[in-house]
Amino acid sequence: MGRGKTCPGNASGMEKKRISDEFEVRESHLRNTERADRIARLKREIRDGSYEPDIRDIARLLTSAMDPTL
């Protein structure tokens, strides 16, 4: 290959990387949106007095008390 030219295989790899990066950004945004929706729903239930914790909620609270990054 001459100077300034790209290898077709390299261009394909770069395109795959770009698509992969875009997918990861979208997935991350979706997870954040879903998490925000769950939190808003829980807050609404707590304010309304209709919240009833289940075993998963209790386990999550206990886990987060041990590791505040969760």
C-alpha atoms as a PDB file:
ATOM      1  CA  MET A   1       0.000   0.000   0.000  1.00  0.00           C
ATOM      2  CA  GLY A   2       1.211   3.478  -0.809  1.00  0.00           C
ATOM      3  CA  ARG A   3       1.354   6.399   1.508  1.00  0.00           C
ATOM      4  CA  GLY A   4      -2.022   7.894   2.468  1.00  0.00           C
ATOM      5  CA  LYS A   5      -3.940   4.823   1.405  1.00  0.00           C
ATOM      6  CA  THR A   6      -5.680   2.549   3.878  1.00  0.00           C
ATOM      7  CA  CYS A   7      -5.841  -1.172   3.736  1.00  0.00           C
ATOM      8  CA  PRO A   8      -9.419  -2.301   2.961  1.00  0.00           C
ATOM      9  CA  GLY A   9      -9.283  -4.764   5.860  1.00  0.00           C
ATOM     10  CA  ASN A  10      -8.251  -1.975   8.241  1.00  0.00           C
ATOM     11  CA  ALA A  11     -11.138   0.246   7.092  1.00  0.00           C
ATOM     12  CA  SER A  12     -13.542  -2.616   7.694  1.00  0.00           C
ATOM     13  CA  GLY A  13     -12.113  -3.126  11.162  1.00  0.00           C
ATOM     14  CA  MET A  14     -12.458   0.570  11.926  1.00  0.00           C
ATOM     15  CA  GLU A  15     -16.088   0.509  10.788  1.00  0.00           C
ATOM     16  CA  LYS A  16     -16.798  -2.525  12.999  1.00  0.00           C
ATOM     17  CA  LYS A  17     -15.198  -0.719  15.952  1.00  0.00           C
ATOM     18  CA  ARG A  18     -17.297   2.420  15.303  1.00  0.00           C
ATOM     19  CA  ILE A  19     -20.504   0.373  15.106  1.00  0.00           C
ATOM     20  CA  SER A  20     -19.548  -1.534  18.256  1.00  0.00           C
ATOM     21  CA  ASP A  21     -18.853   1.726  20.115  1.00  0.00           C
ATOM     22  CA  GLU A  22     -22.195   3.210  19.017  1.00  0.00           C
ATOM     23  CA  PHE A  23     -23.988   0.052  20.150  1.00  0.00           C
ATOM     24  CA  GLU A  24     -22.319   0.206  23.572  1.00  0.00           C
ATOM     25  CA  VAL A  25     -23.309   3.860  23.996  1.00  0.00           C
ATOM     26  CA  ARG A  26     -26.931   3.080  23.082  1.00  0.00           C
ATOM     27  CA  GLU A  27     -27.035   0.066  25.400  1.00  0.00           C
ATOM     28  CA  SER A  28     -25.574   2.109  28.238  1.00  0.00           C
ATOM     29  CA  HIS A  29     -28.132   4.875  27.668  1.00  0.00           C
ATOM     30  CA  LEU A  30     -30.945   2.303  27.614  1.00  0.00           C
ATOM     31  CA  ARG A  31     -29.754   0.745  30.893  1.00  0.00           C
ATOM     32  CA  ASN A  32     -29.523   4.187  32.495  1.00  0.00           C
ATOM     33  CA  THR A  33     -33.008   5.102  31.247  1.00  0.00           C
ATOM     34  CA  GLU A  34     -34.485   1.822  32.495  1.00  0.00           C
ATOM     35  CA  ARG A  35     -32.796   2.303  35.875  1.00  0.00           C
ATOM     36  CA  ALA A  36     -34.111   5.872  36.135  1.00  0.00           C
ATOM     37  CA  ASP A  37     -37.615   4.623  35.276  1.00  0.00           C
ATOM     38  CA  ARG A  38     -37.438   1.922  37.976  1.00  0.00           C
ATOM     39  CA  ILE A  39     -36.235   4.426  40.560  1.00  0.00           C
ATOM     40  CA  ALA A  40     -39.004   6.896  39.634  1.00  0.00           C
ATOM     41  CA  ARG A  41     -41.607   4.109  39.914  1.00  0.00           C
ATOM     42  CA  LEU A  42     -40.289   3.043  43.329  1.00  0.00           C
ATOM     43  CA  LYS A  43     -40.291   6.631  44.593  1.00  0.00           C
ATOM     44  CA  ARG A  44     -43.876   7.046  43.383  1.00  0.00           C
ATOM     45  CA  GLU A  45     -44.940   3.828  45.124  1.00  0.00           C
ATOM     46  CA  ILE A  46     -43.224   4.891  48.354  1.00  0.00           C
ATOM     47  CA  ARG A  47     -44.897   8.324  48.272  1.00  0.00           C
ATOM     48  CA  ASP A  48     -48.289   6.735  47.539  1.00  0.00           C
ATOM     49  CA  GLY A  49     -47.830   4.200  50.331  1.00  0.00           C
ATOM     50  CA  SER A  50     -48.265   1.263  47.947  1.00  0.00           C
ATOM     51  CA  TYR A  51     -44.641   0.058  48.072  1.00  0.00           C
ATOM     52  CA  GLU A  52     -44.182  -3.459  49.437  1.00  0.00           C
ATOM     53  CA  PRO A  53     -40.576  -4.685  49.377  1.00  0.00           C
ATOM     54  CA  ASP A  54     -39.895  -8.201  48.200  1.00  0.00           C
ATOM     55  CA  ILE A  55     -36.909 -10.398  48.988  1.00  0.00           C
ATOM     56  CA  ARG A  56     -34.925  -8.969  46.031  1.00  0.00           C
ATOM     57  CA  ASP A  57     -35.408  -5.424  47.341  1.00  0.00           C
ATOM     58  CA  ILE A  58     -34.235  -6.441  50.791  1.00  0.00           C
ATOM     59  CA  ALA A  59     -31.216  -8.309  49.377  1.00  0.00           C
ATOM     60  CA  ARG A  60     -30.328  -5.297  47.209  1.00  0.00           C
ATOM     61  CA  LEU A  61     -30.516  -2.988  50.222  1.00  0.00           C
ATOM     62  CA  LEU A  62     -28.330  -5.269  52.303  1.00  0.00           C
ATOM     63  CA  THR A  63     -25.804  -5.609  49.480  1.00  0.00           C
ATOM     64  CA  SER A  64     -25.640  -1.880  48.875  1.00  0.00           C
ATOM     65  CA  ALA A  65     -25.169  -1.277  52.607  1.00  0.00           C
ATOM     66  CA  MET A  66     -22.055  -3.467  52.442  1.00  0.00           C
ATOM     67  CA  ASP A  67     -20.774  -1.989  49.161  1.00  0.00           C
ATOM     68  CA  PRO A  68     -21.919   1.605  48.529  1.00  0.00           C
ATOM     69  CA  THR A  69     -20.858   1.427  44.874  1.00  0.00           C
ATOM     70  CA  LEU A  70     -23.844  -0.812  44.070  1.00  0.00           C
END
